Structure formats: C-alpha cells, structure tokens
N, C-alpha and C. Protein backbone atom coordinates (compact mmCIF):
# COMPACT_ATOMS: atom_id res chain seq x y z
N UNK A 1 30.03 -37.79 -17.91
CA UNK A 1 30.36 -36.58 -17.84
C UNK A 1 31.15 -35.88 -16.90
N UNK A 2 31.26 -34.65 -18.01
CA UNK A 2 32.88 -33.31 -17.36
C UNK A 2 33.03 -33.54 -15.78
N UNK A 3 34.45 -33.53 -14.77
CA UNK A 3 33.98 -32.78 -13.71
C UNK A 3 33.29 -32.00 -13.43
N UNK A 4 33.17 -30.62 -14.71
CA UNK A 4 32.92 -29.39 -14.51
C UNK A 4 31.99 -29.42 -14.66
N UNK A 5 31.00 -30.72 -14.94
CA UNK A 5 29.47 -30.89 -15.24
C UNK A 5 28.76 -31.27 -14.24
N UNK A 6 27.30 -30.85 -14.01
CA UNK A 6 26.42 -30.74 -12.67
C UNK A 6 24.88 -31.03 -12.80
N UNK A 7 24.92 -31.95 -12.55
CA UNK A 7 23.43 -31.51 -12.92
C UNK A 7 22.25 -30.88 -12.04
N UNK A 8 22.09 -29.64 -12.28
CA UNK A 8 21.02 -29.00 -11.82
C UNK A 8 19.73 -29.36 -12.11
N UNK A 9 18.93 -29.60 -11.15
CA UNK A 9 17.55 -28.98 -11.48
C UNK A 9 16.85 -28.49 -11.18
N UNK A 10 15.73 -27.83 -12.20
CA UNK A 10 15.20 -26.65 -12.21
C UNK A 10 13.94 -26.92 -12.67
N UNK A 11 12.87 -26.44 -12.40
CA UNK A 11 12.24 -26.85 -12.91
C UNK A 11 11.71 -25.73 -14.72
N UNK A 12 12.11 -25.14 -14.42
CA UNK A 12 12.56 -24.66 -16.27
C UNK A 12 13.95 -25.36 -17.19
N UNK A 13 14.60 -25.84 -16.22
CA UNK A 13 15.99 -26.51 -16.69
C UNK A 13 15.66 -27.80 -17.21
N UNK A 14 14.82 -28.63 -16.12
CA UNK A 14 14.13 -29.93 -16.82
C UNK A 14 15.32 -30.91 -16.76
N UNK A 15 16.49 -30.60 -15.56
CA UNK A 15 17.28 -31.47 -15.54
C UNK A 15 18.33 -31.62 -15.94
N UNK A 16 18.65 -31.27 -17.19
CA UNK A 16 19.94 -30.64 -18.11
C UNK A 16 21.36 -31.50 -16.87
N UNK A 17 22.51 -31.26 -17.61
CA UNK A 17 23.36 -31.37 -17.58
C UNK A 17 24.04 -29.81 -17.79
N UNK A 18 24.20 -29.06 -16.47
CA UNK A 18 24.95 -28.47 -16.93
C UNK A 18 26.10 -27.64 -16.24
N UNK A 19 26.32 -26.37 -16.44
CA UNK A 19 28.13 -26.07 -15.62
C UNK A 19 28.05 -25.41 -14.67
N UNK A 20 28.26 -26.05 -13.32
CA UNK A 20 27.77 -25.60 -11.94
C UNK A 20 28.32 -24.24 -12.53
N UNK A 21 26.92 -23.05 -11.38
CA UNK A 21 27.67 -21.72 -11.70
C UNK A 21 26.63 -21.18 -10.64
N UNK A 22 27.01 -19.81 -9.67
CA UNK A 22 25.90 -19.99 -9.14
C UNK A 22 24.67 -18.82 -9.30
N UNK A 23 25.09 -18.81 -11.04
CA UNK A 23 23.42 -18.61 -11.96
C UNK A 23 22.93 -19.52 -11.50
N UNK A 24 23.31 -21.38 -11.60
CA UNK A 24 22.16 -22.42 -11.29
C UNK A 24 21.95 -22.21 -10.13
N UNK A 25 22.44 -21.81 -8.89
CA UNK A 25 21.88 -21.87 -7.44
C UNK A 25 20.58 -21.26 -7.40
N UNK A 26 21.51 -19.93 -8.28
CA UNK A 26 19.78 -18.93 -7.87
C UNK A 26 18.56 -19.31 -8.69
N UNK A 27 19.34 -19.00 -9.58
CA UNK A 27 18.01 -20.05 -10.39
C UNK A 27 17.27 -21.11 -9.78
N UNK A 28 17.40 -22.20 -8.76
CA UNK A 28 16.61 -22.77 -8.64
C UNK A 28 15.80 -22.22 -6.68
N UNK A 29 16.47 -21.33 -6.46
CA UNK A 29 15.93 -20.46 -5.10
C UNK A 29 15.16 -19.40 -6.01
N UNK A 30 15.17 -18.83 -6.74
CA UNK A 30 15.02 -17.62 -7.15
C UNK A 30 13.21 -17.72 -8.14
N UNK A 31 12.76 -19.26 -7.65
CA UNK A 31 11.41 -19.21 -8.01
C UNK A 31 10.46 -19.04 -7.20
N UNK A 32 9.30 -18.56 -7.45
CA UNK A 32 8.66 -18.06 -5.58
C UNK A 32 8.21 -19.43 -5.69
N UNK A 33 7.45 -20.57 -5.67
CA UNK A 33 7.31 -21.91 -5.15
C UNK A 33 8.89 -22.37 -4.40
N UNK A 34 9.95 -21.90 -4.80
CA UNK A 34 10.26 -22.48 -3.68
C UNK A 34 10.67 -21.59 -2.92
N UNK A 35 11.07 -19.90 -3.15
CA UNK A 35 10.74 -19.42 -1.37
C UNK A 35 10.11 -19.41 -0.96
N UNK A 36 8.64 -19.85 -0.99
CA UNK A 36 7.47 -19.72 -0.48
C UNK A 36 7.57 -22.14 0.82
N UNK A 37 7.79 -22.82 -0.44
CA UNK A 37 8.34 -24.11 0.25
C UNK A 37 9.40 -23.79 1.26
N UNK A 38 10.71 -23.42 1.14
CA UNK A 38 11.96 -22.95 1.78
C UNK A 38 11.28 -22.66 3.43
N UNK A 39 10.20 -21.27 3.23
CA UNK A 39 10.26 -20.63 4.24
C UNK A 39 9.25 -20.90 5.28
N UNK A 40 8.59 -21.98 4.52
CA UNK A 40 7.83 -22.84 5.51
C UNK A 40 8.48 -24.11 6.50
N UNK A 41 9.16 -24.66 5.37
CA UNK A 41 9.57 -25.93 6.12
C UNK A 41 10.88 -25.03 7.21
N UNK A 42 10.44 -24.02 7.04
CA UNK A 42 12.01 -23.45 8.12
C UNK A 42 11.32 -24.02 9.60
N UNK A 43 9.85 -23.78 9.50
CA UNK A 43 9.86 -24.46 11.13
C UNK A 43 9.57 -25.87 11.70
N UNK A 44 9.97 -25.94 10.69
CA UNK A 44 10.06 -27.53 10.82
C UNK A 44 9.32 -28.65 9.76
N UNK A 45 9.48 -29.98 10.11
CA UNK A 45 8.77 -31.31 8.70
C UNK A 45 7.27 -30.84 8.60
N UNK A 46 6.86 -31.13 7.02
CA UNK A 46 5.28 -30.95 6.86
C UNK A 46 5.40 -32.07 6.11
N UNK A 47 3.81 -32.49 6.17
CA UNK A 47 3.19 -33.29 5.00
C UNK A 47 3.22 -33.11 4.08
N UNK A 48 2.91 -33.63 3.41
CA UNK A 48 2.27 -33.41 1.46
C UNK A 48 1.06 -31.87 1.83
N UNK A 49 0.39 -32.81 2.28
CA UNK A 49 -0.94 -31.92 1.90
C UNK A 49 -1.06 -31.13 2.66
N UNK A 50 -0.44 -31.08 4.28
CA UNK A 50 -0.80 -29.95 4.85
C UNK A 50 0.23 -28.41 4.40
N UNK A 51 1.35 -29.19 3.64
CA UNK A 51 2.70 -28.18 3.57
C UNK A 51 1.66 -27.73 1.49
N UNK A 52 0.76 -28.26 0.99
CA UNK A 52 0.07 -27.64 -0.47
C UNK A 52 -1.36 -26.73 0.22
N UNK A 53 -1.53 -26.74 1.47
CA UNK A 53 -3.19 -26.04 2.29
C UNK A 53 -2.33 -24.93 2.55
N UNK A 54 -0.49 -25.04 2.97
CA UNK A 54 -0.32 -23.79 4.03
C UNK A 54 0.15 -23.32 2.63
N UNK A 55 1.09 -23.42 2.04
CA UNK A 55 1.23 -23.03 -0.08
C UNK A 55 0.15 -21.99 -0.57
N UNK A 56 -0.07 -21.28 -0.07
CA UNK A 56 -1.39 -20.67 -0.62
C UNK A 56 -1.47 -20.37 -2.39
N UNK A 57 -2.19 -21.42 -3.14
CA UNK A 57 -2.19 -20.53 -4.60
C UNK A 57 -1.37 -21.91 -5.15
N UNK A 58 -0.28 -22.97 -4.70
CA UNK A 58 0.12 -23.99 -5.66
C UNK A 58 -0.68 -25.14 -5.63
N UNK A 59 -0.26 -25.14 -7.45
CA UNK A 59 -1.04 -26.25 -7.79
C UNK A 59 -0.53 -27.39 -6.81
N UNK A 60 -1.34 -28.55 -7.18
CA UNK A 60 -0.41 -29.79 -6.85
C UNK A 60 0.64 -30.67 -7.55
N UNK A 61 0.78 -29.99 -8.80
CA UNK A 61 1.81 -30.70 -9.55
C UNK A 61 2.53 -29.65 -9.74
N UNK A 62 2.54 -28.09 -9.22
CA UNK A 62 3.79 -27.62 -8.73
C UNK A 62 4.63 -27.40 -7.85
N UNK A 63 3.73 -28.42 -6.81
CA UNK A 63 4.65 -28.49 -5.47
C UNK A 63 5.55 -29.74 -5.68
N UNK A 64 4.97 -30.55 -6.28
CA UNK A 64 5.21 -31.81 -6.85
C UNK A 64 6.63 -31.73 -6.66
N UNK A 65 6.52 -30.62 -8.03
CA UNK A 65 7.76 -30.62 -9.28
C UNK A 65 9.23 -29.65 -8.56
N UNK A 66 8.01 -28.64 -7.39
CA UNK A 66 8.90 -27.91 -6.72
C UNK A 66 10.22 -29.08 -5.53
N UNK A 67 9.64 -29.66 -5.03
CA UNK A 67 9.58 -30.28 -3.75
C UNK A 67 11.09 -31.07 -4.37
N UNK A 68 10.23 -31.97 -5.58
CA UNK A 68 11.34 -32.40 -6.47
C UNK A 68 13.06 -32.07 -6.62
N UNK A 69 12.68 -30.34 -7.52
CA UNK A 69 13.72 -29.76 -7.31
C UNK A 69 14.81 -29.43 -5.94
N UNK A 70 14.28 -29.06 -5.13
CA UNK A 70 14.61 -28.91 -4.39
C UNK A 70 15.32 -30.06 -3.20
N UNK A 71 14.91 -31.03 -3.47
CA UNK A 71 15.14 -32.41 -2.54
C UNK A 71 16.63 -32.66 -3.75
N UNK A 72 16.35 -32.93 -5.50
CA UNK A 72 17.26 -32.91 -5.66
C UNK A 72 18.77 -32.67 -6.13
N UNK A 73 18.11 -31.22 -5.42
CA UNK A 73 19.94 -30.25 -5.23
C UNK A 73 19.96 -29.90 -4.12
N UNK A 74 19.85 -30.71 -3.07
CA UNK A 74 20.16 -31.20 -1.69
C UNK A 74 19.86 -29.89 -0.72
N UNK A 75 18.48 -29.54 -1.12
CA UNK A 75 17.93 -28.08 0.20
C UNK A 75 16.91 -28.41 0.98
N UNK A 76 16.01 -30.27 0.26
CA UNK A 76 14.66 -30.50 1.29
C UNK A 76 15.24 -31.82 1.34
N UNK A 77 15.27 -32.88 2.22
CA UNK A 77 15.13 -34.09 2.64
C UNK A 77 13.47 -35.18 2.26
N UNK A 78 13.31 -35.96 2.37
CA UNK A 78 11.89 -36.48 1.92
C UNK A 78 12.78 -37.93 2.74
N UNK A 79 11.28 -37.58 3.70
CA UNK A 79 11.42 -39.23 4.49
C UNK A 79 9.98 -39.96 4.96
N UNK A 80 10.59 -41.21 4.65
CA UNK A 80 8.99 -41.65 4.04
C UNK A 80 9.33 -43.00 5.61
N UNK A 81 8.04 -42.57 6.67
CA UNK A 81 7.87 -43.66 7.55
C UNK A 81 7.30 -44.92 6.86
N UNK A 82 7.35 -45.68 8.15
CA UNK A 82 6.87 -47.23 7.24
C UNK A 82 6.34 -47.90 7.98
N UNK A 83 4.64 -46.91 8.21
CA UNK A 83 3.47 -46.89 8.19
C UNK A 83 2.16 -47.88 7.52
N UNK A 84 1.62 -47.83 8.06
CA UNK A 84 0.39 -48.60 6.90
C UNK A 84 -1.30 -47.20 7.35
N UNK A 85 -0.80 -46.87 6.32
CA UNK A 85 -0.72 -46.29 5.08
C UNK A 85 0.90 -45.44 5.29
N UNK A 86 1.74 -45.44 4.74
CA UNK A 86 3.13 -44.82 4.40
C UNK A 86 2.54 -43.73 4.62
N UNK A 87 3.69 -43.11 5.53
CA UNK A 87 4.10 -41.26 5.74
C UNK A 87 5.38 -40.79 5.25
N UNK A 88 4.76 -39.79 4.74
CA UNK A 88 5.77 -39.35 4.58
C UNK A 88 6.11 -37.78 4.39
N UNK A 89 7.52 -37.09 4.63
CA UNK A 89 6.87 -35.42 5.76
C UNK A 89 8.24 -35.40 5.01
N UNK A 90 8.40 -34.01 4.30
CA UNK A 90 9.39 -32.81 4.00
C UNK A 90 9.87 -31.95 4.49
N UNK A 91 11.47 -32.08 5.10
CA UNK A 91 12.55 -30.93 5.80
C UNK A 91 13.19 -30.48 4.90
N UNK A 92 13.84 -29.43 5.82
CA UNK A 92 14.89 -28.62 5.21
C UNK A 92 16.52 -29.77 5.90
N UNK A 93 17.03 -29.62 4.44
CA UNK A 93 18.00 -30.47 5.04
C UNK A 93 19.29 -28.75 5.73
N UNK A 94 20.25 -29.91 6.28
CA UNK A 94 21.36 -28.44 6.85
C UNK A 94 21.66 -27.16 5.48
N UNK A 95 22.05 -27.76 4.74
CA UNK A 95 21.49 -27.35 3.42
C UNK A 95 20.84 -25.73 3.24
N UNK A 96 19.14 -26.36 3.17
CA UNK A 96 17.77 -25.73 3.51
C UNK A 96 18.63 -24.83 4.37
N UNK A 97 18.59 -24.83 4.88
CA UNK A 97 18.25 -24.19 6.57
C UNK A 97 19.54 -23.27 6.10
N UNK A 98 20.35 -23.11 5.88
CA UNK A 98 21.79 -21.73 5.42
C UNK A 98 20.55 -21.08 4.62
N UNK A 99 19.88 -21.28 3.69
CA UNK A 99 18.69 -20.32 3.01
C UNK A 99 17.47 -19.50 4.08
N UNK A 100 17.12 -20.05 4.92
CA UNK A 100 15.75 -19.63 5.63
C UNK A 100 16.48 -18.10 5.54
N UNK A 101 17.21 -17.05 6.33
CA UNK A 101 17.41 -16.01 7.30
C UNK A 101 17.41 -15.35 5.90
N UNK A 102 17.24 -15.01 4.71
CA UNK A 102 17.46 -14.55 3.39
C UNK A 102 16.28 -14.93 2.75
N UNK A 103 16.06 -16.20 2.41
CA UNK A 103 14.80 -15.98 1.95
C UNK A 103 13.44 -15.64 2.51
N UNK A 104 13.60 -15.38 4.05
CA UNK A 104 12.48 -14.86 4.96
C UNK A 104 12.58 -13.30 5.10
N UNK A 105 13.33 -12.58 4.13
CA UNK A 105 13.48 -11.53 4.11
C UNK A 105 12.81 -11.02 2.98
N UNK A 106 13.24 -12.50 1.98
CA UNK A 106 12.67 -11.45 0.54
C UNK A 106 11.11 -11.79 1.21
N UNK A 107 10.65 -12.83 1.62
CA UNK A 107 9.21 -13.53 2.25
C UNK A 107 8.48 -12.03 2.40
N UNK A 108 9.23 -11.62 3.68
CA UNK A 108 8.59 -10.25 4.15
C UNK A 108 8.53 -8.94 3.36
N UNK A 109 10.24 -8.69 3.10
CA UNK A 109 9.57 -7.69 1.95
C UNK A 109 8.34 -7.64 0.69
N UNK A 110 7.98 -8.67 0.06
CA UNK A 110 6.76 -8.70 -0.47
C UNK A 110 5.72 -8.77 0.34
N UNK A 111 5.11 -8.77 1.36
CA UNK A 111 4.10 -9.13 2.24
C UNK A 111 3.86 -7.12 2.49
N UNK A 112 5.23 -6.69 2.54
CA UNK A 112 4.97 -5.58 2.65
C UNK A 112 5.23 -4.91 1.81
N UNK A 113 5.18 -4.79 0.84
CA UNK A 113 5.26 -4.10 -0.76
C UNK A 113 4.00 -4.39 -1.46
N UNK A 114 3.98 -5.15 -1.43
CA UNK A 114 3.40 -5.39 -2.19
C UNK A 114 2.16 -4.82 -3.05
N UNK A 115 1.42 -3.83 -2.08
CA UNK A 115 0.23 -2.94 -2.67
C UNK A 115 1.50 -1.78 -3.41
N UNK A 116 2.69 -1.26 -3.21
CA UNK A 116 3.28 -0.57 -3.58
C UNK A 116 3.42 -0.95 -4.79
N UNK A 117 3.83 -2.03 -5.05
CA UNK A 117 3.70 -2.41 -6.39
C UNK A 117 3.03 -2.77 -7.41
N UNK A 118 2.11 -3.05 -7.02
CA UNK A 118 0.49 -3.04 -7.77
C UNK A 118 0.06 -1.37 -8.28
N UNK A 119 0.57 -0.27 -7.36
CA UNK A 119 0.32 1.02 -7.41
C UNK A 119 1.52 1.06 -8.43
N UNK A 120 2.40 0.10 -8.63
CA UNK A 120 3.04 1.05 -9.80
C UNK A 120 2.72 0.28 -10.12
N UNK A 121 2.25 -0.79 -11.38
CA UNK A 121 2.11 -1.29 -12.10
C UNK A 121 0.84 -0.52 -12.97
N UNK A 122 -0.17 -0.40 -11.76
CA UNK A 122 -0.99 0.60 -12.50
C UNK A 122 -0.84 1.56 -13.73
N UNK A 123 -0.08 2.75 -12.28
CA UNK A 123 0.15 3.67 -12.62
C UNK A 123 1.01 3.45 -14.22
N UNK A 124 2.20 2.26 -14.17
CA UNK A 124 2.46 2.11 -15.41
C UNK A 124 2.01 1.13 -16.58
N UNK A 125 0.65 0.81 -16.40
CA UNK A 125 0.76 0.17 -17.45
C UNK A 125 -0.99 0.89 -17.49
N UNK A 126 -1.86 0.39 -18.58
CA UNK A 126 -3.23 0.81 -18.86
C UNK A 126 -4.27 -1.02 -17.58
N UNK A 127 -3.77 -1.61 -18.48
CA UNK A 127 -3.97 -3.25 -17.89
C UNK A 127 -2.80 -3.99 -17.17
N UNK A 128 -2.87 -3.68 -15.88
CA UNK A 128 -2.11 -3.96 -14.41
C UNK A 128 -1.48 -5.57 -14.79
N UNK A 129 -2.64 -6.40 -15.15
CA UNK A 129 -2.17 -8.03 -15.68
C UNK A 129 -1.40 -8.01 -16.62
N UNK A 130 -1.88 -7.33 -17.29
CA UNK A 130 -0.90 -7.71 -18.78
C UNK A 130 0.65 -6.53 -18.28
N UNK A 131 1.13 -6.03 -17.66
CA UNK A 131 2.32 -5.69 -17.70
C UNK A 131 3.70 -6.76 -17.64
C-alpha cells in the first residue's frame, strides 16, 4: 500500500483503503451513532449492554459496527478483563477525548432545537417523514 494511503473504516466505507484526508475523519465522526457513543463514553468506560441501554434507539448491529469503527480509527479502546466470564469495557482513547467538547456542543444543540427542525420539516413537506 502506498504511504499516502491509510485504512479508514467507517460504516459507509466498508474499511476500504482510501487517501487519508480530513473528509475521511469527518465522515467517521459525522455519524449520529458515533456522536452519541463518544459523548456517552466521555464520562468513563462502559460495558457493552449498559452502553446499548444508554444510547437510545441503537440496534445491537449498529452499536457493534460503530464501536469497531471507532476502535479501528483510534478513538475508542476495548479492554478485556480476565474474569470468568470475561468482562469487556469500552472507553475513549486520548484522541477520542479530544472530540468530547465539540461533539457535546453538537449533541446539546440537537436536543435544544429538534422541535424547531421538526416544525420546519412540517412546513416544507406535506409528509414530514418523507422529507
């Protein structure tokens, strides 16, 4: 693989080798599940099932895929403890921690303004779900 190529795995990209770019990094964190997972992990490490309960609406498949993408790209670390049965926790890496402030602002904005977005969608479209 050429030195300018880097594996960037995002759920939409399938782990193909691509030219590393800011656009690829943005694609990784612009995913709604990635934002919710990163901001949830900001408070510390979580076990998989607890994280799944906390991130409302995420399916098992999407959470697993999101965690793998974030781990592959150095934002999340997976720690396996040698207990019986094995215990696994997910936490942010130092690189992942650098995103917390910006993504928390984005998540909070969505929480404050989703009603306004929905009202605009209703005004613009006959069927808001079709917009």
